[in-house]
Structure formats: structure tokens, C-alpha cells
């Protein structure tokens, strides 16, 4: 009797099936990132225009988006660079603005990325958009290669958009205003989508209260104060959550 073929073995033992090819992961990541890319690409164009209108050379847009790649910090960085802000103040601002990524790391699926290079790049490109896409229920079965491809595509949308915006920024009137609000608008859309996916009313209410308190108590440092209050509120809510669950039981 002839030995069973590999196809038969794979059919009866699905655990031995070969992993999906890299091209399949790329195509899946392309589809996963397309909706975010529709926002990141024009947002990158707005950032590139903002860079050249701030008096910087066009290549600054490519360098910042490629090597800093920190969303809201990049918009702040343009003003810090043009104002010749001391490096220590820039570092402190970067730490405070991006401190939320410490909490992202607690649930980001980095353990699925196998290679060291992939882990390093995935850690570097862990943005708000990538976190939102890779931690949802539909992403629980994604492979590490699919996650890294998604993050790489998100950065490509951002860098290419910023470069094009900077190169052709001279064609846009210099008095054009409101470009720095583009990132805020994107976060509003992401917040609305997150609320529709998981209707957690206390979280947006807490964010609104923190923003209002910071606006009237510390108007000159509203962003940092609101982030600090919101972080403290989330930690307090997390600390009291087990007690409420125990009381219900």
C-alpha cells in the first residue's frame, strides 16, 4: 500500500498545514489599512504643507514623518523646530505627549511578531491607528506578519503624503489656515468609531470632563493637564472595577 500523500496528512491534521504566504498577509494588511490610509494620506499632505509654510525645507517633512513618526508630536515639533526650542524641552514634550503608548504596550499583540527585527519595527510604529486596528475583536487571529505589514503600510501612507504635500506646498496659498487641526479631526473620527464598536459611555464622558477642567483651570497647559487628568481617571476607574464586579457577584 502506498504511503498517504502530504495533502491527505494535512487534511486530517490541520495543525501541520503550512502558514499563509507573505503575499496573502500583505494583501490582507492592504485591505485592513485602506480605511485608515484614506485619512493618513491627506493628513500627511496637510502636514507637508504646514512644514514648508513654517519656513522649513521640503525634506524636513520626509525626515520627520520617517524618523519621528509620532502623529500629534510631529505637528508640535514643527513649531518647536522653528522656535529653536532647547533639546531638553523637546524631549520632555515628546515624553508627555506620547506617554499613552506605555499603556498601549500592555495589550498590543507584539507577541505574535516572531523576528527581532519585526518586533523592533512594530514597537517603533505602534501608533494610535495601528493600535486601534490590531487590538479589535476581528484582529485576534491576525499573524505577526500581517500586523507588521499593516504598520508599514500606515507609515508609507503618512510619509508619502507628507512628502507630496511639502513638494507641492508652494502651490497652496501661504495664508491657508486650519491644517494643524487635521490630526484632531482624525482622532475625533477614531473616537466615534471606537464608541460605535463598544458603547462605553463613561470613557468619553470622563475625557470631556478632563478637557473642560484643564481648559478653565490650566488654559496655558490644557493638553498636558487634560492628558494627566484623563490618565488618572482611567487608573482610578480600573482600580475600582474589580471591587464593583466582586460586589455584584
C-alpha atoms as a PDB file:
ATOM      1  CA  UNK A   1       0.000   0.000   0.000  1.00  0.00           C
ATOM      2  CA  UNK A   2       1.331   3.380  -0.918  1.00  0.00           C
ATOM      3  CA  UNK A   3       2.071   5.899   1.826  1.00  0.00           C
ATOM      4  CA  UNK A   4      -0.528   8.646   2.253  1.00  0.00           C
ATOM      5  CA  UNK A   5       0.205  11.814   0.379  1.00  0.00           C
ATOM      6  CA  UNK A   6       1.105  15.073   2.082  1.00  0.00           C
ATOM      7  CA  UNK A   7      -2.253  16.511   1.060  1.00  0.00           C
ATOM      8  CA  UNK A   8      -4.060  13.726   2.942  1.00  0.00           C
ATOM      9  CA  UNK A   9      -1.919  14.233   6.017  1.00  0.00           C
ATOM     10  CA  UNK A  10      -2.587  17.966   6.011  1.00  0.00           C
ATOM     11  CA  UNK A  11      -6.315  17.395   5.574  1.00  0.00           C
ATOM     12  CA  UNK A  12      -6.569  15.139   8.610  1.00  0.00           C
ATOM     13  CA  UNK A  13      -4.055  17.107  10.662  1.00  0.00           C
ATOM     14  CA  UNK A  14      -4.774  20.820  10.172  1.00  0.00           C
ATOM     15  CA  UNK A  15      -2.112  21.760  12.702  1.00  0.00           C
ATOM     16  CA  UNK A  16       0.546  20.683  10.195  1.00  0.00           C
ATOM     17  CA  UNK A  17      -0.739  22.980   7.462  1.00  0.00           C
ATOM     18  CA  UNK A  18       1.763  25.469   6.133  1.00  0.00           C
ATOM     19  CA  UNK A  19       1.360  29.100   7.205  1.00  0.00           C
ATOM     20  CA  UNK A  20      -0.193  31.507   4.704  1.00  0.00           C
ATOM     21  CA  UNK A  21       2.305  33.052   2.279  1.00  0.00           C
ATOM     22  CA  UNK A  22       3.656  36.535   2.862  1.00  0.00           C
ATOM     23  CA  UNK A  23       1.764  37.854  -0.166  1.00  0.00           C
ATOM     24  CA  UNK A  24      -1.505  36.822   1.488  1.00  0.00           C
ATOM     25  CA  UNK A  25      -0.554  38.727   4.653  1.00  0.00           C
ATOM     26  CA  UNK A  26       0.346  41.781   2.581  1.00  0.00           C
ATOM     27  CA  UNK A  27      -2.944  41.753   0.700  1.00  0.00           C
ATOM     28  CA  UNK A  28      -4.879  41.334   3.917  1.00  0.00           C
ATOM     29  CA  UNK A  29      -2.962  44.188   5.548  1.00  0.00           C
ATOM     30  CA  UNK A  30      -3.589  46.346   2.488  1.00  0.00           C
ATOM     31  CA  UNK A  31      -7.309  45.852   2.918  1.00  0.00           C
ATOM     32  CA  UNK A  32      -7.107  46.342   6.692  1.00  0.00           C
ATOM     33  CA  UNK A  33      -5.239  49.623   6.374  1.00  0.00           C
ATOM     34  CA  UNK A  34      -7.166  51.081   3.442  1.00  0.00           C
ATOM     35  CA  UNK A  35      -9.712  52.945   5.567  1.00  0.00           C
ATOM     36  CA  UNK A  36      -7.022  54.462   7.765  1.00  0.00           C
ATOM     37  CA  UNK A  37      -4.927  55.224   4.684  1.00  0.00           C
ATOM     38  CA  UNK A  38      -7.758  57.354   3.321  1.00  0.00           C
ATOM     39  CA  UNK A  39      -7.241  59.582   6.357  1.00  0.00           C
ATOM     40  CA  UNK A  40      -3.462  59.299   6.803  1.00  0.00           C
ATOM     41  CA  UNK A  41      -2.563  60.206   3.227  1.00  0.00           C
ATOM     42  CA  UNK A  42      -4.423  63.561   3.041  1.00  0.00           C
ATOM     43  CA  UNK A  43      -3.421  64.244   6.638  1.00  0.00           C
ATOM     44  CA  UNK A  44       0.200  63.731   5.595  1.00  0.00           C
ATOM     45  CA  UNK A  45      -0.311  66.179   2.730  1.00  0.00           C
ATOM     46  CA  UNK A  46      -1.626  68.745   5.222  1.00  0.00           C
ATOM     47  CA  UNK A  47       1.415  68.163   7.422  1.00  0.00           C
ATOM     48  CA  UNK A  48       3.802  68.595   4.475  1.00  0.00           C
ATOM     49  CA  UNK A  49       2.167  71.898   3.515  1.00  0.00           C
ATOM     50  CA  UNK A  50       2.386  73.029   7.142  1.00  0.00           C
ATOM     51  CA  UNK A  51       6.115  72.229   7.200  1.00  0.00           C
ATOM     52  CA  UNK A  52       7.029  74.328   4.163  1.00  0.00           C
ATOM     53  CA  UNK A  53       4.759  77.188   5.222  1.00  0.00           C
ATOM     54  CA  UNK A  54       6.581  77.229   8.560  1.00  0.00           C
ATOM     55  CA  UNK A  55       9.755  78.118   6.657  1.00  0.00           C
ATOM     56  CA  UNK A  56      11.413  74.689   6.649  1.00  0.00           C
ATOM     57  CA  UNK A  57      12.799  72.901   3.595  1.00  0.00           C
ATOM     58  CA  UNK A  58      10.580  70.263   2.000  1.00  0.00           C
ATOM     59  CA  UNK A  59      12.790  67.374   3.078  1.00  0.00           C
ATOM     60  CA  UNK A  60      12.018  68.115   6.719  1.00  0.00           C
ATOM     61  CA  UNK A  61       8.553  66.641   6.139  1.00  0.00           C
ATOM     62  CA  UNK A  62      10.031  63.354   4.890  1.00  0.00           C
ATOM     63  CA  UNK A  63      12.598  63.200   7.699  1.00  0.00           C
ATOM     64  CA  UNK A  64      10.119  63.938  10.485  1.00  0.00           C
ATOM     65  CA  UNK A  65       7.482  61.501   9.280  1.00  0.00           C
ATOM     66  CA  UNK A  66      10.037  58.742   8.662  1.00  0.00           C
ATOM     67  CA  UNK A  67      12.168  59.047  11.804  1.00  0.00           C
ATOM     68  CA  UNK A  68       9.897  60.694  14.379  1.00  0.00           C
ATOM     69  CA  UNK A  69       6.596  59.159  13.263  1.00  0.00           C
ATOM     70  CA  UNK A  70       4.613  60.195  16.317  1.00  0.00           C
ATOM     71  CA  UNK A  71       1.424  61.767  14.989  1.00  0.00           C
ATOM     72  CA  UNK A  72       0.439  64.725  17.134  1.00  0.00           C
ATOM     73  CA  UNK A  73       4.021  65.243  18.280  1.00  0.00           C
ATOM     74  CA  UNK A  74       5.085  65.861  14.683  1.00  0.00           C
ATOM     75  CA  UNK A  75       2.697  68.805  14.397  1.00  0.00           C
ATOM     76  CA  UNK A  76       4.057  70.182  17.678  1.00  0.00           C
ATOM     77  CA  UNK A  77       7.612  69.532  16.542  1.00  0.00           C
ATOM     78  CA  UNK A  78       7.270  71.906  13.597  1.00  0.00           C
ATOM     79  CA  UNK A  79       6.662  74.807  15.968  1.00  0.00           C
ATOM     80  CA  UNK A  80       9.399  73.642  18.334  1.00  0.00           C
ATOM     81  CA  UNK A  81      11.945  73.488  15.497  1.00  0.00           C
ATOM     82  CA  UNK A  82      11.078  76.907  14.082  1.00  0.00           C
ATOM     83  CA  UNK A  83      11.268  78.398  17.596  1.00  0.00           C
ATOM     84  CA  UNK A  84      14.702  76.805  18.196  1.00  0.00           C
ATOM     85  CA  UNK A  85      13.406  75.149  21.358  1.00  0.00           C
ATOM     86  CA  UNK A  86      16.081  73.598  23.625  1.00  0.00           C
ATOM     87  CA  UNK A  87      16.534  69.866  23.154  1.00  0.00           C
ATOM     88  CA  UNK A  88      15.662  69.096  26.782  1.00  0.00           C
ATOM     89  CA  UNK A  89      12.265  70.793  26.398  1.00  0.00           C
ATOM     90  CA  UNK A  90      11.633  68.926  23.157  1.00  0.00           C
ATOM     91  CA  UNK A  91      12.427  65.631  24.902  1.00  0.00           C
ATOM     92  CA  UNK A  92      10.102  66.440  27.796  1.00  0.00           C
ATOM     93  CA  UNK A  93       7.298  67.381  25.426  1.00  0.00           C
ATOM     94  CA  UNK A  94       7.763  64.159  23.457  1.00  0.00           C
ATOM     95  CA  UNK A  95       7.652  62.111  26.659  1.00  0.00           C
ATOM     96  CA  UNK A  96       4.458  63.716  27.953  1.00  0.00           C
ATOM     97  CA  UNK A  97       2.610  63.674  24.632  1.00  0.00           C
ATOM     98  CA  UNK A  98       3.482  60.039  23.839  1.00  0.00           C
ATOM     99  CA  UNK A  99       3.237  58.663  27.381  1.00  0.00           C
ATOM    100  CA  UNK A 100      -0.026  56.971  26.410  1.00  0.00           C
ATOM    101  CA  UNK A 101       1.984  54.441  24.385  1.00  0.00           C
ATOM    102  CA  UNK A 102       3.118  52.880  27.656  1.00  0.00           C
ATOM    103  CA  UNK A 103      -0.464  51.730  28.162  1.00  0.00           C
ATOM    104  CA  UNK A 104      -0.790  50.646  24.533  1.00  0.00           C
ATOM    105  CA  UNK A 105       2.079  48.213  25.059  1.00  0.00           C
ATOM    106  CA  UNK A 106       0.089  46.332  27.705  1.00  0.00           C
ATOM    107  CA  UNK A 107      -2.401  44.968  25.159  1.00  0.00           C
ATOM    108  CA  UNK A 108      -0.683  45.392  21.788  1.00  0.00           C
ATOM    109  CA  UNK A 109      -0.202  41.921  20.181  1.00  0.00           C
ATOM    110  CA  UNK A 110       3.570  42.182  19.860  1.00  0.00           C
ATOM    111  CA  UNK A 111       3.962  38.566  20.979  1.00  0.00           C
ATOM    112  CA  UNK A 112       2.678  37.402  17.569  1.00  0.00           C
ATOM    113  CA  UNK A 113       5.633  39.024  15.787  1.00  0.00           C
ATOM    114  CA  UNK A 114       8.391  36.417  15.776  1.00  0.00           C
ATOM    115  CA  UNK A 115      11.556  38.057  14.418  1.00  0.00           C
ATOM    116  CA  UNK A 116      13.644  40.545  16.393  1.00  0.00           C
ATOM    117  CA  UNK A 117      13.697  42.998  13.505  1.00  0.00           C
ATOM    118  CA  UNK A 118       9.918  42.714  13.197  1.00  0.00           C
ATOM    119  CA  UNK A 119       9.444  43.299  16.922  1.00  0.00           C
ATOM    120  CA  UNK A 120      11.707  46.361  16.831  1.00  0.00           C
ATOM    121  CA  UNK A 121       9.903  47.877  13.863  1.00  0.00           C
ATOM    122  CA  UNK A 122       6.472  47.009  15.237  1.00  0.00           C
ATOM    123  CA  UNK A 123       7.347  48.706  18.527  1.00  0.00           C
ATOM    124  CA  UNK A 124       8.583  51.799  16.693  1.00  0.00           C
ATOM    125  CA  UNK A 125       5.461  52.068  14.508  1.00  0.00           C
ATOM    126  CA  UNK A 126       2.897  51.411  17.249  1.00  0.00           C
ATOM    127  CA  UNK A 127       0.699  54.407  16.517  1.00  0.00           C
ATOM    128  CA  UNK A 128      -2.848  55.130  17.650  1.00  0.00           C
ATOM    129  CA  UNK A 129      -4.243  53.938  14.319  1.00  0.00           C
ATOM    130  CA  UNK A 130      -2.235  50.699  14.329  1.00  0.00           C
ATOM    131  CA  UNK A 131      -3.237  50.004  17.917  1.00  0.00           C
ATOM    132  CA  UNK A 132      -6.910  50.599  17.176  1.00  0.00           C
ATOM    133  CA  UNK A 133      -6.820  48.213  14.204  1.00  0.00           C
ATOM    134  CA  UNK A 134      -4.787  45.390  15.751  1.00  0.00           C
ATOM    135  CA  UNK A 135      -6.495  45.133  19.141  1.00  0.00           C
ATOM    136  CA  UNK A 136     -10.093  44.763  17.952  1.00  0.00           C
ATOM    137  CA  UNK A 137     -12.031  41.509  18.066  1.00  0.00           C
ATOM    138  CA  UNK A 138     -11.666  40.952  14.323  1.00  0.00           C
ATOM    139  CA  UNK A 139      -7.855  41.137  14.611  1.00  0.00           C
ATOM    140  CA  UNK A 140      -7.430  38.387  17.187  1.00  0.00           C
ATOM    141  CA  UNK A 141      -6.466  35.850  14.506  1.00  0.00           C
ATOM    142  CA  UNK A 142      -4.030  38.087  12.605  1.00  0.00           C
ATOM    143  CA  UNK A 143      -0.496  36.783  12.169  1.00  0.00           C
ATOM    144  CA  UNK A 144       2.578  38.735  13.151  1.00  0.00           C
ATOM    145  CA  UNK A 145       3.496  39.347   9.507  1.00  0.00           C
ATOM    146  CA  UNK A 146       0.059  40.787   8.825  1.00  0.00           C
ATOM    147  CA  UNK A 147       0.419  43.165  11.789  1.00  0.00           C
ATOM    148  CA  UNK A 148       3.861  44.356  10.669  1.00  0.00           C
ATOM    149  CA  UNK A 149       2.668  44.815   7.083  1.00  0.00           C
ATOM    150  CA  UNK A 150      -0.252  46.892   8.316  1.00  0.00           C
ATOM    151  CA  UNK A 151       2.050  49.132  10.351  1.00  0.00           C
ATOM    152  CA  UNK A 152       4.453  49.518   7.425  1.00  0.00           C
ATOM    153  CA  UNK A 153       1.628  50.485   5.068  1.00  0.00           C
ATOM    154  CA  UNK A 154       0.327  53.063   7.546  1.00  0.00           C
ATOM    155  CA  UNK A 155       3.768  54.664   7.671  1.00  0.00           C
ATOM    156  CA  UNK A 156       4.025  54.609   3.874  1.00  0.00           C
ATOM    157  CA  UNK A 157       0.713  56.468   3.578  1.00  0.00           C
ATOM    158  CA  UNK A 158       1.947  59.032   6.058  1.00  0.00           C
ATOM    159  CA  UNK A 159       5.455  59.575   4.658  1.00  0.00           C
ATOM    160  CA  UNK A 160       4.375  59.695   1.008  1.00  0.00           C
ATOM    161  CA  UNK A 161       1.534  62.081   1.784  1.00  0.00           C
ATOM    162  CA  UNK A 162       3.791  64.405   3.774  1.00  0.00           C
ATOM    163  CA  UNK A 163       6.471  64.395   1.081  1.00  0.00           C
ATOM    164  CA  UNK A 164       3.995  65.222  -1.680  1.00  0.00           C
ATOM    165  CA  UNK A 165       2.407  67.916   0.456  1.00  0.00           C
ATOM    166  CA  UNK A 166       5.770  69.520   1.120  1.00  0.00           C
ATOM    167  CA  UNK A 167       6.926  69.351  -2.509  1.00  0.00           C
ATOM    168  CA  UNK A 168       3.751  70.921  -3.843  1.00  0.00           C
ATOM    169  CA  UNK A 169       3.170  73.126  -0.813  1.00  0.00           C
ATOM    170  CA  UNK A 170       4.276  76.213  -2.715  1.00  0.00           C
ATOM    171  CA  UNK A 171       1.167  75.887  -4.879  1.00  0.00           C
ATOM    172  CA  UNK A 172      -1.104  76.385  -1.839  1.00  0.00           C
ATOM    173  CA  UNK A 173      -1.726  79.937  -0.583  1.00  0.00           C
ATOM    174  CA  UNK A 174       0.523  80.738   2.363  1.00  0.00           C
ATOM    175  CA  UNK A 175      -2.380  82.150   4.368  1.00  0.00           C
ATOM    176  CA  UNK A 176      -4.193  78.778   4.363  1.00  0.00           C
ATOM    177  CA  UNK A 177      -5.272  78.105   7.956  1.00  0.00           C
ATOM    178  CA  UNK A 178      -6.583  75.108   9.848  1.00  0.00           C
ATOM    179  CA  UNK A 179      -4.106  72.485   8.644  1.00  0.00           C
ATOM    180  CA  UNK A 180      -2.932  71.822  12.193  1.00  0.00           C
ATOM    181  CA  UNK A 181      -6.494  70.743  13.075  1.00  0.00           C
ATOM    182  CA  UNK A 182      -6.423  67.852  10.598  1.00  0.00           C
ATOM    183  CA  UNK A 183      -4.949  65.407  13.129  1.00  0.00           C
ATOM    184  CA  UNK A 184      -7.522  66.402  15.737  1.00  0.00           C
ATOM    185  CA  UNK A 185     -10.271  65.691  13.203  1.00  0.00           C
ATOM    186  CA  UNK A 186      -8.820  62.222  12.563  1.00  0.00           C
ATOM    187  CA  UNK A 187      -8.795  61.423  16.278  1.00  0.00           C
ATOM    188  CA  UNK A 188     -12.414  62.558  16.538  1.00  0.00           C
ATOM    189  CA  UNK A 189     -13.353  60.096  13.791  1.00  0.00           C
ATOM    190  CA  UNK A 190     -11.413  57.291  15.505  1.00  0.00           C
ATOM    191  CA  UNK A 191     -13.110  58.101  18.821  1.00  0.00           C
ATOM    192  CA  UNK A 192     -16.555  57.976  17.221  1.00  0.00           C
ATOM    193  CA  UNK A 193     -15.761  54.638  15.553  1.00  0.00           C
ATOM    194  CA  UNK A 194     -14.466  53.239  18.850  1.00  0.00           C
ATOM    195  CA  UNK A 195     -17.632  54.335  20.626  1.00  0.00           C
ATOM    196  CA  UNK A 196     -19.841  52.752  17.970  1.00  0.00           C
ATOM    197  CA  UNK A 197     -17.893  49.486  18.235  1.00  0.00           C
ATOM    198  CA  UNK A 198     -18.020  49.408  22.044  1.00  0.00           C
ATOM    199  CA  UNK A 199     -20.557  51.759  23.583  1.00  0.00           C
ATOM    200  CA  UNK A 200     -18.610  52.625  26.717  1.00  0.00           C
ATOM    201  CA  UNK A 201     -20.328  55.843  27.833  1.00  0.00           C
ATOM    202  CA  UNK A 202     -18.180  56.639  30.949  1.00  0.00           C
ATOM    203  CA  UNK A 203     -14.911  56.890  28.970  1.00  0.00           C
ATOM    204  CA  UNK A 204     -15.883  59.722  26.566  1.00  0.00           C
ATOM    205  CA  UNK A 205     -17.704  61.498  29.406  1.00  0.00           C
ATOM    206  CA  UNK A 206     -14.551  61.300  31.527  1.00  0.00           C
ATOM    207  CA  UNK A 207     -12.477  62.640  28.619  1.00  0.00           C
ATOM    208  CA  UNK A 208     -14.855  65.576  28.153  1.00  0.00           C
ATOM    209  CA  UNK A 209     -14.804  66.450  31.858  1.00  0.00           C
ATOM    210  CA  UNK A 210     -10.994  66.326  31.950  1.00  0.00           C
ATOM    211  CA  UNK A 211     -10.768  68.577  28.887  1.00  0.00           C
ATOM    212  CA  UNK A 212     -13.161  71.140  30.377  1.00  0.00           C
ATOM    213  CA  UNK A 213     -11.364  71.178  33.729  1.00  0.00           C
ATOM    214  CA  UNK A 214      -7.987  71.629  32.034  1.00  0.00           C
ATOM    215  CA  UNK A 215      -9.399  74.347  29.774  1.00  0.00           C
ATOM    216  CA  UNK A 216     -10.570  76.533  32.652  1.00  0.00           C
ATOM    217  CA  UNK A 217      -8.005  75.661  35.355  1.00  0.00           C
ATOM    218  CA  UNK A 218      -4.802  75.479  33.256  1.00  0.00           C
ATOM    219  CA  UNK A 219      -5.623  77.040  29.872  1.00  0.00           C
ATOM    220  CA  UNK A 220      -1.947  77.523  29.018  1.00  0.00           C
ATOM    221  CA  UNK A 221      -1.188  73.817  29.505  1.00  0.00           C
ATOM    222  CA  UNK A 222      -4.548  72.364  28.507  1.00  0.00           C
ATOM    223  CA  UNK A 223      -3.250  69.368  26.540  1.00  0.00           C
ATOM    224  CA  UNK A 224      -0.846  68.104  29.179  1.00  0.00           C
ATOM    225  CA  UNK A 225      -3.270  68.783  32.032  1.00  0.00           C
ATOM    226  CA  UNK A 226      -6.143  67.035  30.268  1.00  0.00           C
ATOM    227  CA  UNK A 227      -3.982  64.007  29.449  1.00  0.00           C
ATOM    228  CA  UNK A 228      -2.794  63.797  33.052  1.00  0.00           C
ATOM    229  CA  UNK A 229      -6.310  64.030  34.462  1.00  0.00           C
ATOM    230  CA  UNK A 230      -7.649  61.512  31.962  1.00  0.00           C
ATOM    231  CA  UNK A 231      -4.864  59.045  32.769  1.00  0.00           C
ATOM    232  CA  UNK A 232      -5.513  59.411  36.488  1.00  0.00           C
ATOM    233  CA  UNK A 233      -9.242  58.930  35.910  1.00  0.00           C
ATOM    234  CA  UNK A 234      -8.711  55.761  33.875  1.00  0.00           C
ATOM    235  CA  UNK A 235      -6.373  54.338  36.521  1.00  0.00           C
ATOM    236  CA  UNK A 236      -8.912  55.104  39.253  1.00  0.00           C
ATOM    237  CA  UNK A 237     -11.688  53.505  37.244  1.00  0.00           C
ATOM    238  CA  UNK A 238      -9.537  50.450  36.650  1.00  0.00           C
ATOM    239  CA  UNK A 239      -8.691  50.187  40.355  1.00  0.00           C
ATOM    240  CA  UNK A 240     -12.336  50.275  41.433  1.00  0.00           C
ATOM    241  CA  UNK A 241     -13.589  47.961  38.666  1.00  0.00           C
ATOM    242  CA  UNK A 242     -12.676  44.657  40.456  1.00  0.00           C
ATOM    243  CA  UNK A 243     -14.467  45.865  43.584  1.00  0.00           C
ATOM    244  CA  UNK A 244     -17.665  46.558  41.669  1.00  0.00           C
ATOM    245  CA  UNK A 245     -17.501  43.137  39.995  1.00  0.00           C
ATOM    246  CA  UNK A 246     -16.952  41.464  43.377  1.00  0.00           C
ATOM    247  CA  UNK A 247     -19.885  43.347  44.871  1.00  0.00           C
ATOM    248  CA  UNK A 248     -22.170  42.252  42.026  1.00  0.00           C
ATOM    249  CA  UNK A 249     -21.099  38.624  42.478  1.00  0.00           C
END
